[in-house]
Amino acid sequence: MINPQSYKWFFETTTAVEGHMHAIVRTLVEAQTRFQHVEIMQTADYGKALVLDGRIQSSQADEFIYHDALVHPGMLATEAAPQSALVIGGGEGATLREILKYPSIRRALMVDIDGEVVDLCKKHLPEMHQGAFDDARAEVRHEDARAYLEKTSDRFDFITIDLVEPLEAGPACLLFTREFYTLVRDRLTPGGAMTMQAGMTKVGELLFYTAIHRTLRDVFPVVAGYQTFISCFGTPWGFILAGKKTDPRRQDTAAVDRLIAERVKGDLGYWDGQTHQHAFALPKHVRRAIDAQTRIVTDANPLILT
């Protein structure tokens, strides 16, 4: 029997009155970058974990669940096999890794403002990026994602937003607004799709998820929420797909499995047709909360989590 006192413990607050604990074997790196506090820890149960500003972003044992859910529903919802993709955020490189499983991809651009975090992940988290940064199709820029979208004329078949939620007033707040999502929509090709992580979907903590869902409905013709349980987070986690044509809720099990067979090279550890049906079948209380939400997040009225 393991003695809990033999470990150091990392306590992650999920809300003001709730949290989740992990036994830490050792801390591989801890640093303060220009933008955030970063830690890479070796946990007892989940292997290596990336922690930004005190919040776990991914862990070695179950990051495949998070990154499959973030990437593949959108890549399978593009009108044709996607050739270009943009990752906004995505520090550890696992989002990029999943996109590169599609042989049709010719260009995969990752825009993450924090180059120090990316460099630390390249060094300490090879299990997560698995060489994705060295793929000839991959390109990484360290700049503000909104500024990039405002100035570029490039178009992408798939865009994914892999950012931490806005916890304080600042530039990050402007990456969760109607104006920003309009930029994203306009940088998609006519048959393109976008996905994003959209926070917890646990009871009592649905404000962020439902407000973002309502905001996206003001911008995109197709908006579909879905969720999955991320073990190392200790809570169900919400995602949203927004697109121009394909509604993922109309893709049945056979259609999703066929698209995976046609578009993806290699194995997906989590996502398939059956998982797809489960994820997009949101429970009743979440659907009710989405339907009841009226708030639209704007530059002038941003949403800040407390």
Protein backbone atom coordinates (compact mmCIF):
# COMPACT_ATOMS: atom_id res chain seq x y z
CA MET A 1 0.00 0.00 0.00
CA ILE A 2 1.35 3.39 -1.03
CA ASN A 3 1.80 5.88 1.77
CA PRO A 4 0.32 9.25 0.67
CA GLN A 5 2.79 11.03 2.92
CA SER A 6 5.68 9.77 0.78
CA TYR A 7 4.67 12.14 -2.04
CA LYS A 8 4.50 15.82 -2.58
CA TRP A 9 1.01 16.81 -3.69
CA PHE A 10 -0.15 19.21 -6.37
CA PHE A 11 -3.56 20.73 -5.68
CA GLU A 12 -5.39 22.20 -8.65
CA THR A 13 -8.37 24.41 -7.92
CA THR A 14 -11.14 23.76 -10.41
CA THR A 15 -13.51 26.26 -8.82
CA ALA A 16 -13.33 28.65 -5.90
CA VAL A 17 -14.57 25.88 -3.60
CA GLU A 18 -13.36 22.68 -5.24
CA GLY A 19 -10.13 21.09 -6.41
CA HIS A 20 -8.30 17.99 -7.54
CA MET A 21 -5.06 16.51 -6.14
CA HIS A 22 -2.20 14.69 -7.84
CA ALA A 23 0.76 12.94 -6.22
CA ILE A 24 3.96 14.36 -7.71
CA VAL A 25 7.04 12.19 -8.13
CA ARG A 26 9.22 15.13 -9.20
CA THR A 27 9.11 18.48 -10.94
CA LEU A 28 11.05 18.45 -14.21
CA VAL A 29 10.95 22.18 -14.80
CA GLU A 30 9.37 25.28 -13.29
CA ALA A 31 9.68 28.72 -14.85
CA GLN A 32 8.00 32.08 -15.22
CA THR A 33 7.82 33.13 -18.85
CA ARG A 34 6.82 36.55 -20.10
CA PHE A 35 3.22 35.37 -20.26
CA GLN A 36 2.61 32.66 -17.66
CA HIS A 37 3.92 30.33 -14.98
CA VAL A 38 4.86 26.91 -16.40
CA GLU A 39 5.55 23.60 -14.68
CA ILE A 40 6.22 20.18 -16.15
CA MET A 41 5.69 17.52 -13.48
CA GLN A 42 6.04 13.77 -13.24
CA THR A 43 2.83 12.59 -11.60
CA ALA A 44 2.40 9.23 -9.89
CA ASP A 45 -0.68 8.20 -11.88
CA TYR A 46 -0.61 10.08 -15.18
CA GLY A 47 3.07 10.43 -16.07
CA LYS A 48 4.30 13.81 -17.21
CA ALA A 49 1.89 16.72 -17.02
CA LEU A 50 2.01 20.27 -18.36
CA VAL A 51 0.72 22.87 -15.90
CA LEU A 52 0.16 26.53 -16.83
CA ASP A 53 -0.73 29.08 -14.15
CA GLY A 54 -1.61 26.27 -11.76
CA ARG A 55 -3.92 24.43 -14.16
CA ILE A 56 -3.17 21.09 -15.78
CA GLN A 57 -3.28 21.33 -19.56
CA SER A 58 -2.55 17.70 -20.42
CA SER A 59 -1.03 14.56 -19.00
CA GLN A 60 0.94 11.81 -20.66
CA ALA A 61 -1.53 9.05 -19.78
CA ASP A 62 -4.74 10.59 -21.09
CA GLU A 63 -3.80 13.48 -23.37
CA PHE A 64 -4.89 11.30 -26.32
CA ILE A 65 -8.49 11.69 -25.13
CA TYR A 66 -8.30 15.48 -25.00
CA HIS A 67 -6.41 15.89 -28.28
CA ASP A 68 -8.50 13.36 -30.21
CA ALA A 69 -11.63 15.20 -29.06
CA LEU A 70 -10.18 18.58 -29.92
CA VAL A 71 -8.93 17.75 -33.40
CA HIS A 72 -10.74 14.91 -35.13
CA PRO A 73 -14.39 16.00 -35.04
CA GLY A 74 -13.41 19.16 -36.92
CA MET A 75 -11.02 17.45 -39.32
CA LEU A 76 -13.79 14.97 -40.16
CA ALA A 77 -16.35 17.77 -40.63
CA THR A 78 -14.51 19.58 -43.43
CA GLU A 79 -16.26 19.26 -46.77
CA ALA A 80 -13.26 17.58 -48.39
CA ALA A 81 -10.10 16.01 -46.98
CA PRO A 82 -8.37 18.96 -45.26
CA GLN A 83 -5.20 20.33 -46.80
CA SER A 84 -4.43 23.22 -44.44
CA ALA A 85 -4.85 23.63 -40.70
CA LEU A 86 -4.20 26.29 -38.07
CA VAL A 87 -3.61 25.63 -34.37
CA ILE A 88 -4.10 28.62 -32.08
CA GLY A 89 -2.15 27.81 -28.93
CA GLY A 90 -1.23 24.14 -28.61
CA GLY A 91 2.07 24.47 -26.71
CA GLU A 92 2.94 20.81 -26.14
CA GLY A 93 2.57 19.95 -29.85
CA ALA A 94 0.06 17.13 -29.43
CA THR A 95 -2.67 19.04 -31.29
CA LEU A 96 -0.25 19.48 -34.18
CA ARG A 97 0.61 15.78 -33.96
CA GLU A 98 -3.01 14.73 -34.46
CA ILE A 99 -3.49 17.05 -37.43
CA LEU A 100 -0.42 15.58 -39.10
CA LYS A 101 -2.03 12.13 -39.06
CA TYR A 102 -3.92 13.28 -42.16
CA PRO A 103 -1.82 12.67 -45.31
CA SER A 104 -3.94 15.24 -47.14
CA ILE A 105 -2.50 18.03 -44.94
CA ARG A 106 0.06 20.10 -46.80
CA ARG A 107 0.42 22.90 -44.27
CA ALA A 108 -0.10 22.84 -40.49
CA LEU A 109 0.56 26.20 -38.84
CA MET A 110 0.73 26.59 -35.07
CA VAL A 111 0.53 30.10 -33.59
CA ASP A 112 1.45 30.14 -29.91
CA ILE A 113 2.50 33.41 -28.35
CA ASP A 114 4.69 31.78 -25.69
CA GLY A 115 7.82 30.47 -27.37
CA GLU A 116 9.40 29.65 -24.01
CA VAL A 117 6.63 27.19 -23.19
CA VAL A 118 6.88 25.60 -26.62
CA ASP A 119 10.65 25.18 -26.26
CA LEU A 120 10.22 23.58 -22.83
CA CYS A 121 7.63 21.19 -24.25
CA LYS A 122 9.88 20.28 -27.16
CA LYS A 123 12.61 19.35 -24.68
CA HIS A 124 10.67 17.71 -21.87
CA LEU A 125 7.52 16.31 -23.53
CA PRO A 126 8.67 14.28 -26.56
CA GLU A 127 6.04 11.67 -25.61
CA MET A 128 3.37 14.25 -26.45
CA HIS A 129 4.63 15.96 -29.59
CA GLN A 130 6.22 12.77 -30.99
CA GLY A 131 8.35 14.74 -33.43
CA ALA A 132 5.46 16.81 -34.82
CA PHE A 133 7.55 19.99 -34.75
CA ASP A 134 10.07 18.38 -37.13
CA ASP A 135 7.49 17.43 -39.76
CA ALA A 136 8.16 19.30 -43.02
CA ARG A 137 4.48 20.30 -43.21
CA ALA A 138 4.58 21.98 -39.78
CA GLU A 139 5.29 25.65 -39.12
CA VAL A 140 5.36 27.44 -35.76
CA ARG A 141 4.98 31.17 -35.15
CA HIS A 142 5.30 32.92 -31.81
CA GLU A 143 2.96 35.88 -32.01
CA ASP A 144 -0.47 37.05 -30.97
CA ALA A 145 -3.03 34.85 -32.72
CA ARG A 146 -5.58 37.60 -33.17
CA ALA A 147 -3.01 39.93 -34.71
CA TYR A 148 -2.01 37.13 -37.06
CA LEU A 149 -5.59 36.51 -38.19
CA GLU A 150 -6.18 40.23 -38.68
CA LYS A 151 -3.23 40.64 -41.02
CA THR A 152 -3.14 37.34 -42.91
CA SER A 153 -4.94 36.57 -46.14
CA ASP A 154 -4.36 32.83 -45.69
CA ARG A 155 -7.32 30.48 -45.54
CA PHE A 156 -7.50 27.17 -43.69
CA ASP A 157 -9.72 24.12 -44.02
CA PHE A 158 -9.51 23.54 -40.28
CA ILE A 159 -8.78 25.85 -37.33
CA THR A 160 -8.57 24.70 -33.73
CA ILE A 161 -8.37 26.92 -30.66
CA ASP A 162 -6.38 25.26 -27.88
CA LEU A 163 -6.11 28.03 -25.30
CA VAL A 164 -6.49 28.33 -21.55
CA GLU A 165 -9.64 30.12 -20.45
CA PRO A 166 -9.34 33.84 -19.61
CA LEU A 167 -8.72 34.00 -15.87
CA GLU A 168 -7.98 37.71 -15.68
CA ALA A 169 -8.42 40.85 -17.74
CA GLY A 170 -5.87 41.06 -20.53
CA PRO A 171 -5.25 40.28 -24.22
CA ALA A 172 -6.34 36.64 -23.81
CA CYS A 173 -9.90 37.84 -23.18
CA LEU A 174 -10.05 39.05 -26.77
CA LEU A 175 -9.57 35.49 -28.04
CA PHE A 176 -13.03 34.49 -26.76
CA THR A 177 -15.27 37.12 -28.32
CA ARG A 178 -17.71 37.43 -31.20
CA GLU A 179 -15.23 39.66 -33.03
CA PHE A 180 -12.47 37.07 -32.73
CA TYR A 181 -14.71 34.21 -33.85
CA THR A 182 -15.75 36.30 -36.84
CA LEU A 183 -12.08 36.54 -37.80
CA VAL A 184 -11.76 32.78 -37.44
CA ARG A 185 -14.84 32.20 -39.62
CA ASP A 186 -13.51 34.51 -42.30
CA ARG A 187 -10.15 32.68 -42.39
CA LEU A 188 -11.83 29.33 -43.03
CA THR A 189 -12.33 27.97 -46.52
CA PRO A 190 -15.98 27.65 -47.68
CA GLY A 191 -16.17 24.03 -46.48
CA GLY A 192 -14.04 24.52 -43.38
CA ALA A 193 -14.64 23.81 -39.71
CA MET A 194 -13.35 25.05 -36.36
CA THR A 195 -13.11 23.35 -32.97
CA MET A 196 -12.18 24.66 -29.54
CA GLN A 197 -11.85 23.52 -25.97
CA ALA A 198 -14.53 25.35 -24.02
CA GLY A 199 -14.03 24.58 -20.37
CA MET A 200 -15.76 22.43 -17.80
CA THR A 201 -19.24 21.04 -18.27
CA LYS A 202 -19.68 20.03 -14.64
CA VAL A 203 -22.82 20.88 -12.71
CA GLY A 204 -22.80 24.48 -11.54
CA GLU A 205 -19.94 25.56 -13.84
CA LEU A 206 -21.60 25.97 -17.23
CA LEU A 207 -21.41 29.75 -17.67
CA PHE A 208 -18.27 29.78 -19.80
CA TYR A 209 -19.34 26.85 -21.97
CA THR A 210 -22.84 28.13 -22.64
CA ALA A 211 -21.78 31.75 -23.23
CA ILE A 212 -19.18 30.70 -25.79
CA HIS A 213 -21.73 28.39 -27.43
CA ARG A 214 -24.24 31.26 -27.65
CA THR A 215 -21.58 33.63 -29.00
CA LEU A 216 -20.53 31.20 -31.73
CA ARG A 217 -24.16 30.84 -32.83
CA ASP A 218 -24.08 34.53 -33.65
CA VAL A 219 -21.20 33.91 -36.08
CA PHE A 220 -21.42 30.41 -37.61
CA PRO A 221 -24.30 28.62 -39.38
CA VAL A 222 -23.41 25.32 -37.69
CA VAL A 223 -22.57 25.13 -33.96
CA ALA A 224 -22.45 21.80 -32.13
CA GLY A 225 -21.36 21.25 -28.55
CA TYR A 226 -19.85 18.02 -27.29
CA GLN A 227 -18.04 16.76 -24.20
CA THR A 228 -15.87 14.02 -22.83
CA PHE A 229 -14.41 13.10 -19.45
CA ILE A 230 -10.73 13.92 -18.98
CA SER A 231 -9.48 11.82 -16.07
CA CYS A 232 -6.55 13.98 -15.02
CA PHE A 233 -8.82 17.05 -14.98
CA GLY A 234 -11.25 15.24 -12.69
CA THR A 235 -14.24 16.70 -14.51
CA PRO A 236 -16.18 16.41 -17.78
CA TRP A 237 -14.77 18.79 -20.37
CA GLY A 238 -16.59 20.69 -23.06
CA PHE A 239 -15.69 21.28 -26.69
CA ILE A 240 -17.50 23.09 -29.48
CA LEU A 241 -17.41 22.59 -33.23
CA ALA A 242 -18.42 25.50 -35.45
CA GLY A 243 -18.54 25.18 -39.20
CA LYS A 244 -19.89 26.42 -42.45
CA LYS A 245 -21.52 23.28 -43.89
CA THR A 246 -21.24 19.89 -42.18
CA ASP A 247 -23.22 19.29 -38.98
CA PRO A 248 -21.38 16.60 -36.99
CA ARG A 249 -24.61 15.63 -35.23
CA ARG A 250 -25.82 14.26 -38.57
CA GLN A 251 -22.77 12.05 -39.09
CA ASP A 252 -23.71 8.53 -38.00
CA THR A 253 -21.35 5.91 -36.62
CA ALA A 254 -20.65 4.31 -39.99
CA ALA A 255 -20.00 7.67 -41.66
CA VAL A 256 -17.47 8.72 -39.02
CA ASP A 257 -15.66 5.37 -39.15
CA ARG A 258 -15.55 5.57 -42.94
CA LEU A 259 -14.10 9.08 -42.88
CA ILE A 260 -11.44 8.03 -40.37
CA ALA A 261 -10.47 5.09 -42.60
CA GLU A 262 -10.30 7.38 -45.64
CA ARG A 263 -8.59 10.40 -44.11
CA VAL A 264 -6.40 9.25 -41.22
CA LYS A 265 -3.10 7.41 -41.31
CA GLY A 266 -2.45 5.48 -38.12
CA ASP A 267 -4.52 4.64 -35.08
CA LEU A 268 -6.77 6.94 -33.07
CA GLY A 269 -6.73 5.93 -29.44
CA TYR A 270 -10.05 7.53 -28.51
CA TRP A 271 -12.16 8.85 -31.37
CA ASP A 272 -14.32 6.66 -33.59
CA GLY A 273 -17.91 6.57 -34.76
CA GLN A 274 -19.32 5.27 -31.48
CA THR A 275 -17.37 7.79 -29.39
CA HIS A 276 -18.58 10.53 -31.74
CA GLN A 277 -22.24 9.67 -31.07
CA HIS A 278 -21.67 9.63 -27.32
CA ALA A 279 -19.76 12.93 -27.24
CA PHE A 280 -22.32 14.92 -29.23
CA ALA A 281 -25.26 13.51 -27.22
CA LEU A 282 -25.11 16.17 -24.53
CA PRO A 283 -27.07 15.42 -21.36
CA LYS A 284 -30.34 17.16 -20.68
CA HIS A 285 -29.09 19.65 -18.05
CA VAL A 286 -26.31 20.85 -20.38
CA ARG A 287 -28.73 21.26 -23.28
CA ARG A 288 -31.11 23.21 -21.06
CA ALA A 289 -28.30 25.50 -19.94
CA ILE A 290 -27.27 26.13 -23.55
CA ASP A 291 -30.85 26.94 -24.54
CA ALA A 292 -31.26 29.31 -21.59
CA GLN A 293 -28.05 31.25 -22.18
CA THR A 294 -28.49 34.71 -23.74
CA ARG A 295 -25.09 36.27 -23.16
CA ILE A 296 -22.95 37.09 -26.20
CA VAL A 297 -19.28 37.70 -25.42
CA THR A 298 -17.83 40.76 -27.18
CA ASP A 299 -14.67 42.83 -27.12
CA ALA A 300 -16.54 45.47 -25.15
CA ASN A 301 -18.02 42.90 -22.76
CA PRO A 302 -15.49 40.06 -22.40
CA LEU A 303 -15.95 37.01 -20.21
CA ILE A 304 -13.44 36.57 -17.37
CA LEU A 305 -13.53 33.47 -15.18
CA THR A 306 -13.02 33.79 -11.45
